[in-house]
Amino acid sequence: MSDLEFAHIDEEECRRFQGSVELAGRKWSAAILMAGARGARRFSEYRTLVEGISDRVLAARLKELEEEGLIERDVQPTTPVSISYQLTPSGRELISLLHPLVTWSHAHQAAKSR
């Protein structure tokens, strides 16, 4: 892609782009979304699939991702209360959009090691 292909992007679009990249790139966010894509529903399942995350950080990131509309939180008024999470269509779309980045990363790492 040439620089000319990006010349039409205005300041507002640049800010939206930056906000989107920062959201997806925030520490643990992509791993949490991937855990949801792999089937995690309960808090404990996320904790197991996202190795190294603390309960406090996991709770905060789940809340942020819910506020961004990427994860839904479902509270069932049972005894004890049952809480589950699942990716929204927007969360699933973000995961699919990040997949080419993973492919690029593999190619980039291979090129660096030559």
N, C-alpha and C. Protein backbone atom coordinates (compact mmCIF):
# COMPACT_ATOMS: atom_id res chain seq x y z
N MET A 1 0.84 -1.18 0.00
CA MET A 1 0.00 0.00 0.00
C MET A 1 0.89 1.24 0.00
N SER A 2 0.51 2.20 -0.76
CA SER A 2 1.28 3.45 -0.82
C SER A 2 0.69 4.46 0.17
N ASP A 3 1.49 5.48 0.45
CA ASP A 3 1.03 6.55 1.34
C ASP A 3 -0.20 7.25 0.76
N LEU A 4 -0.30 7.28 -0.56
CA LEU A 4 -1.45 7.93 -1.20
C LEU A 4 -2.76 7.24 -0.86
N GLU A 5 -2.71 5.94 -0.59
CA GLU A 5 -3.93 5.21 -0.25
C GLU A 5 -4.49 5.65 1.10
N PHE A 6 -3.66 6.23 1.95
CA PHE A 6 -4.10 6.68 3.27
C PHE A 6 -4.33 8.18 3.32
N ALA A 7 -4.07 8.89 2.23
CA ALA A 7 -4.18 10.35 2.21
C ALA A 7 -5.62 10.83 2.46
N HIS A 8 -6.61 10.02 2.12
CA HIS A 8 -8.00 10.43 2.27
C HIS A 8 -8.53 10.28 3.70
N ILE A 9 -7.76 9.69 4.60
CA ILE A 9 -8.23 9.46 5.97
C ILE A 9 -8.15 10.77 6.75
N ASP A 10 -9.29 11.19 7.29
CA ASP A 10 -9.33 12.46 8.03
C ASP A 10 -9.01 12.24 9.51
N GLU A 11 -8.92 13.35 10.25
CA GLU A 11 -8.55 13.30 11.67
C GLU A 11 -9.52 12.46 12.50
N GLU A 12 -10.80 12.61 12.24
CA GLU A 12 -11.79 11.85 13.01
C GLU A 12 -11.62 10.35 12.80
N GLU A 13 -11.38 9.96 11.56
CA GLU A 13 -11.17 8.54 11.27
C GLU A 13 -9.88 8.05 11.92
N CYS A 14 -8.86 8.89 11.95
CA CYS A 14 -7.61 8.52 12.62
C CYS A 14 -7.85 8.27 14.12
N ARG A 15 -8.65 9.13 14.75
CA ARG A 15 -8.96 8.95 16.17
C ARG A 15 -9.74 7.67 16.41
N ARG A 16 -10.71 7.38 15.53
CA ARG A 16 -11.48 6.13 15.67
C ARG A 16 -10.56 4.92 15.51
N PHE A 17 -9.66 4.99 14.52
CA PHE A 17 -8.71 3.91 14.29
C PHE A 17 -7.84 3.70 15.52
N GLN A 18 -7.30 4.79 16.05
CA GLN A 18 -6.43 4.68 17.22
C GLN A 18 -7.20 4.10 18.41
N GLY A 19 -8.42 4.56 18.63
CA GLY A 19 -9.22 4.03 19.73
C GLY A 19 -9.48 2.54 19.58
N SER A 20 -9.76 2.12 18.36
CA SER A 20 -10.01 0.69 18.10
C SER A 20 -8.77 -0.15 18.34
N VAL A 21 -7.64 0.34 17.86
CA VAL A 21 -6.38 -0.40 18.04
C VAL A 21 -6.02 -0.47 19.52
N GLU A 22 -6.21 0.63 20.24
CA GLU A 22 -5.90 0.63 21.67
C GLU A 22 -6.82 -0.31 22.44
N LEU A 23 -8.08 -0.37 22.07
CA LEU A 23 -9.02 -1.29 22.73
C LEU A 23 -8.59 -2.73 22.51
N ALA A 24 -8.34 -3.09 21.25
CA ALA A 24 -7.96 -4.47 20.93
C ALA A 24 -6.58 -4.81 21.50
N GLY A 25 -5.70 -3.80 21.59
CA GLY A 25 -4.35 -4.05 22.05
C GLY A 25 -4.15 -3.90 23.55
N ARG A 26 -5.18 -3.49 24.26
CA ARG A 26 -5.06 -3.35 25.71
C ARG A 26 -4.69 -4.70 26.31
N LYS A 27 -3.77 -4.68 27.25
CA LYS A 27 -3.28 -5.92 27.83
C LYS A 27 -4.44 -6.79 28.29
N TRP A 28 -4.43 -8.03 27.89
CA TRP A 28 -5.38 -9.08 28.22
C TRP A 28 -6.65 -9.06 27.37
N SER A 29 -7.01 -7.96 26.73
CA SER A 29 -8.28 -7.90 26.02
C SER A 29 -8.41 -8.95 24.93
N ALA A 30 -7.40 -9.04 24.07
CA ALA A 30 -7.46 -10.03 22.98
C ALA A 30 -7.50 -11.44 23.53
N ALA A 31 -6.74 -11.71 24.59
CA ALA A 31 -6.73 -13.05 25.19
C ALA A 31 -8.10 -13.39 25.77
N ILE A 32 -8.76 -12.42 26.38
CA ILE A 32 -10.09 -12.65 26.94
C ILE A 32 -11.09 -12.90 25.83
N LEU A 33 -11.03 -12.10 24.78
CA LEU A 33 -11.93 -12.32 23.64
C LEU A 33 -11.69 -13.68 23.01
N MET A 34 -10.43 -14.07 22.89
CA MET A 34 -10.11 -15.38 22.32
C MET A 34 -10.63 -16.50 23.22
N ALA A 35 -10.53 -16.33 24.53
CA ALA A 35 -11.08 -17.33 25.46
C ALA A 35 -12.58 -17.47 25.25
N GLY A 36 -13.27 -16.35 25.06
CA GLY A 36 -14.70 -16.39 24.78
C GLY A 36 -14.98 -17.11 23.47
N ALA A 37 -14.16 -16.86 22.47
CA ALA A 37 -14.33 -17.54 21.17
C ALA A 37 -14.06 -19.03 21.30
N ARG A 38 -13.21 -19.41 22.24
CA ARG A 38 -12.90 -20.83 22.47
C ARG A 38 -13.90 -21.52 23.39
N GLY A 39 -14.91 -20.78 23.85
CA GLY A 39 -15.99 -21.41 24.60
C GLY A 39 -16.11 -21.05 26.06
N ALA A 40 -15.24 -20.18 26.57
CA ALA A 40 -15.36 -19.80 27.98
C ALA A 40 -16.69 -19.08 28.21
N ARG A 41 -17.35 -19.41 29.28
CA ARG A 41 -18.61 -18.76 29.63
C ARG A 41 -18.57 -18.25 31.08
N ARG A 42 -18.00 -19.03 31.96
CA ARG A 42 -17.95 -18.66 33.38
C ARG A 42 -16.62 -17.97 33.69
N PHE A 43 -16.61 -17.15 34.74
CA PHE A 43 -15.42 -16.43 35.15
C PHE A 43 -14.24 -17.39 35.31
N SER A 44 -14.48 -18.51 35.97
CA SER A 44 -13.40 -19.48 36.22
C SER A 44 -12.85 -20.05 34.92
N GLU A 45 -13.69 -20.20 33.90
CA GLU A 45 -13.23 -20.70 32.61
C GLU A 45 -12.33 -19.67 31.93
N TYR A 46 -12.69 -18.40 32.03
CA TYR A 46 -11.82 -17.34 31.49
C TYR A 46 -10.49 -17.35 32.21
N ARG A 47 -10.52 -17.45 33.54
CA ARG A 47 -9.29 -17.45 34.33
C ARG A 47 -8.38 -18.60 33.91
N THR A 48 -8.97 -19.76 33.65
CA THR A 48 -8.19 -20.92 33.22
C THR A 48 -7.57 -20.72 31.83
N LEU A 49 -8.35 -20.18 30.91
CA LEU A 49 -7.88 -20.01 29.53
C LEU A 49 -6.94 -18.82 29.34
N VAL A 50 -7.04 -17.82 30.21
CA VAL A 50 -6.18 -16.65 30.10
C VAL A 50 -5.11 -16.78 31.19
N GLU A 51 -4.08 -17.50 30.86
CA GLU A 51 -3.04 -17.84 31.82
C GLU A 51 -2.32 -16.60 32.33
N GLY A 52 -2.21 -16.48 33.65
CA GLY A 52 -1.45 -15.40 34.26
C GLY A 52 -2.26 -14.18 34.66
N ILE A 53 -3.54 -14.12 34.30
CA ILE A 53 -4.35 -12.94 34.64
C ILE A 53 -4.86 -13.07 36.08
N SER A 54 -4.88 -11.95 36.79
CA SER A 54 -5.41 -11.97 38.15
C SER A 54 -6.94 -11.82 38.11
N ASP A 55 -7.59 -12.24 39.16
CA ASP A 55 -9.05 -12.11 39.24
C ASP A 55 -9.48 -10.65 39.11
N ARG A 56 -8.74 -9.74 39.76
CA ARG A 56 -9.08 -8.33 39.73
C ARG A 56 -9.01 -7.77 38.32
N VAL A 57 -7.93 -8.09 37.61
CA VAL A 57 -7.76 -7.59 36.25
C VAL A 57 -8.78 -8.24 35.31
N LEU A 58 -9.04 -9.53 35.48
CA LEU A 58 -10.03 -10.20 34.64
C LEU A 58 -11.40 -9.56 34.82
N ALA A 59 -11.79 -9.31 36.06
CA ALA A 59 -13.09 -8.68 36.32
C ALA A 59 -13.16 -7.29 35.67
N ALA A 60 -12.08 -6.52 35.79
CA ALA A 60 -12.06 -5.17 35.21
C ALA A 60 -12.13 -5.23 33.68
N ARG A 61 -11.36 -6.14 33.06
CA ARG A 61 -11.37 -6.23 31.59
C ARG A 61 -12.71 -6.75 31.08
N LEU A 62 -13.32 -7.72 31.75
CA LEU A 62 -14.64 -8.19 31.34
C LEU A 62 -15.64 -7.04 31.37
N LYS A 63 -15.56 -6.22 32.41
CA LYS A 63 -16.47 -5.08 32.51
C LYS A 63 -16.23 -4.08 31.38
N GLU A 64 -14.96 -3.80 31.08
CA GLU A 64 -14.63 -2.88 29.98
C GLU A 64 -15.14 -3.43 28.64
N LEU A 65 -14.90 -4.71 28.41
CA LEU A 65 -15.33 -5.32 27.15
C LEU A 65 -16.85 -5.35 27.05
N GLU A 66 -17.52 -5.51 28.18
CA GLU A 66 -18.98 -5.43 28.19
C GLU A 66 -19.44 -4.01 27.85
N GLU A 67 -18.79 -3.02 28.45
CA GLU A 67 -19.15 -1.62 28.17
C GLU A 67 -18.91 -1.26 26.70
N GLU A 68 -17.93 -1.89 26.08
CA GLU A 68 -17.62 -1.64 24.67
C GLU A 68 -18.53 -2.44 23.73
N GLY A 69 -19.38 -3.30 24.31
CA GLY A 69 -20.31 -4.08 23.49
C GLY A 69 -19.69 -5.30 22.83
N LEU A 70 -18.56 -5.77 23.38
CA LEU A 70 -17.88 -6.93 22.81
C LEU A 70 -18.20 -8.22 23.54
N ILE A 71 -18.65 -8.10 24.78
CA ILE A 71 -19.02 -9.25 25.61
C ILE A 71 -20.35 -8.94 26.27
N GLU A 72 -21.21 -9.95 26.34
CA GLU A 72 -22.48 -9.83 27.08
C GLU A 72 -22.34 -10.55 28.41
N ARG A 73 -22.92 -9.96 29.43
CA ARG A 73 -22.93 -10.56 30.77
C ARG A 73 -24.37 -10.94 31.07
N ASP A 74 -24.58 -12.20 31.44
CA ASP A 74 -25.92 -12.69 31.75
C ASP A 74 -25.96 -13.11 33.21
N VAL A 75 -26.85 -12.49 33.97
CA VAL A 75 -26.98 -12.79 35.40
C VAL A 75 -28.29 -13.55 35.60
N GLN A 76 -28.20 -14.75 36.12
CA GLN A 76 -29.38 -15.56 36.44
C GLN A 76 -29.62 -15.49 37.95
N PRO A 77 -30.81 -15.05 38.35
CA PRO A 77 -31.10 -14.89 39.78
C PRO A 77 -31.38 -16.21 40.49
N THR A 78 -30.39 -17.08 40.45
CA THR A 78 -30.51 -18.36 41.16
C THR A 78 -29.78 -18.23 42.49
N THR A 79 -29.81 -19.29 43.26
CA THR A 79 -29.06 -19.31 44.51
C THR A 79 -28.01 -20.41 44.43
N PRO A 80 -26.74 -20.09 44.37
CA PRO A 80 -26.17 -18.75 44.27
C PRO A 80 -26.39 -18.15 42.88
N VAL A 81 -26.19 -16.85 42.76
CA VAL A 81 -26.37 -16.16 41.48
C VAL A 81 -25.41 -16.78 40.45
N SER A 82 -25.92 -16.99 39.26
CA SER A 82 -25.11 -17.54 38.17
C SER A 82 -24.84 -16.44 37.15
N ILE A 83 -23.56 -16.20 36.89
CA ILE A 83 -23.16 -15.18 35.92
C ILE A 83 -22.39 -15.86 34.80
N SER A 84 -22.78 -15.55 33.58
CA SER A 84 -22.04 -16.08 32.43
C SER A 84 -21.77 -14.94 31.45
N TYR A 85 -20.80 -15.18 30.61
CA TYR A 85 -20.39 -14.20 29.62
C TYR A 85 -20.36 -14.87 28.26
N GLN A 86 -20.58 -14.08 27.22
CA GLN A 86 -20.40 -14.60 25.87
C GLN A 86 -20.08 -13.45 24.94
N LEU A 87 -19.38 -13.77 23.86
CA LEU A 87 -19.05 -12.74 22.88
C LEU A 87 -20.32 -12.26 22.19
N THR A 88 -20.36 -10.98 21.93
CA THR A 88 -21.44 -10.42 21.12
C THR A 88 -21.05 -10.61 19.65
N PRO A 89 -21.97 -10.38 18.74
CA PRO A 89 -21.58 -10.43 17.32
C PRO A 89 -20.40 -9.49 17.02
N SER A 90 -20.37 -8.33 17.66
CA SER A 90 -19.27 -7.40 17.46
C SER A 90 -17.95 -7.97 17.99
N GLY A 91 -18.00 -8.68 19.11
CA GLY A 91 -16.81 -9.32 19.66
C GLY A 91 -16.30 -10.42 18.75
N ARG A 92 -17.22 -11.21 18.20
CA ARG A 92 -16.83 -12.26 17.25
C ARG A 92 -16.23 -11.65 15.99
N GLU A 93 -16.81 -10.54 15.55
CA GLU A 93 -16.28 -9.87 14.35
C GLU A 93 -14.87 -9.36 14.62
N LEU A 94 -14.63 -8.79 15.80
CA LEU A 94 -13.30 -8.29 16.12
C LEU A 94 -12.28 -9.43 16.11
N ILE A 95 -12.64 -10.58 16.68
CA ILE A 95 -11.73 -11.73 16.66
C ILE A 95 -11.40 -12.10 15.22
N SER A 96 -12.40 -12.14 14.35
CA SER A 96 -12.14 -12.51 12.96
C SER A 96 -11.29 -11.46 12.25
N LEU A 97 -11.44 -10.19 12.63
CA LEU A 97 -10.61 -9.15 12.03
C LEU A 97 -9.17 -9.19 12.52
N LEU A 98 -8.96 -9.69 13.74
CA LEU A 98 -7.60 -9.79 14.28
C LEU A 98 -6.84 -10.98 13.72
N HIS A 99 -7.55 -11.97 13.19
CA HIS A 99 -6.89 -13.17 12.68
C HIS A 99 -5.83 -12.87 11.62
N PRO A 100 -6.10 -11.99 10.64
CA PRO A 100 -5.03 -11.67 9.67
C PRO A 100 -3.80 -11.05 10.34
N LEU A 101 -3.98 -10.36 11.45
CA LEU A 101 -2.84 -9.80 12.17
C LEU A 101 -1.96 -10.92 12.73
N VAL A 102 -2.57 -11.98 13.20
CA VAL A 102 -1.82 -13.14 13.69
C VAL A 102 -1.04 -13.77 12.54
N THR A 103 -1.69 -13.90 11.39
CA THR A 103 -1.03 -14.45 10.21
C THR A 103 0.16 -13.58 9.82
N TRP A 104 -0.04 -12.27 9.81
CA TRP A 104 1.04 -11.34 9.50
C TRP A 104 2.18 -11.49 10.50
N SER A 105 1.85 -11.63 11.78
CA SER A 105 2.86 -11.75 12.83
C SER A 105 3.73 -12.98 12.61
N HIS A 106 3.12 -14.11 12.24
CA HIS A 106 3.91 -15.32 11.97
C HIS A 106 4.88 -15.07 10.81
N ALA A 107 4.40 -14.46 9.74
CA ALA A 107 5.25 -14.18 8.59
C ALA A 107 6.35 -13.18 8.95
N HIS A 108 5.99 -12.17 9.72
CA HIS A 108 6.96 -11.15 10.13
C HIS A 108 8.07 -11.77 10.99
N GLN A 109 7.69 -12.61 11.95
CA GLN A 109 8.68 -13.26 12.80
C GLN A 109 9.60 -14.18 12.00
N ALA A 110 9.02 -14.90 11.04
CA ALA A 110 9.82 -15.78 10.19
C ALA A 110 10.81 -14.97 9.36
N ALA A 111 10.37 -13.82 8.84
CA ALA A 111 11.26 -12.97 8.04
C ALA A 111 12.38 -12.38 8.89
N LYS A 112 12.08 -12.03 10.14
CA LYS A 112 13.10 -11.47 11.03
C LYS A 112 14.17 -12.49 11.39
N SER A 113 13.78 -13.75 11.47
CA SER A 113 14.72 -14.77 11.91
C SER A 113 15.60 -15.30 10.78
N ARG A 114 15.36 -14.82 9.57
CA ARG A 114 16.21 -15.26 8.44
C ARG A 114 17.48 -14.50 8.40
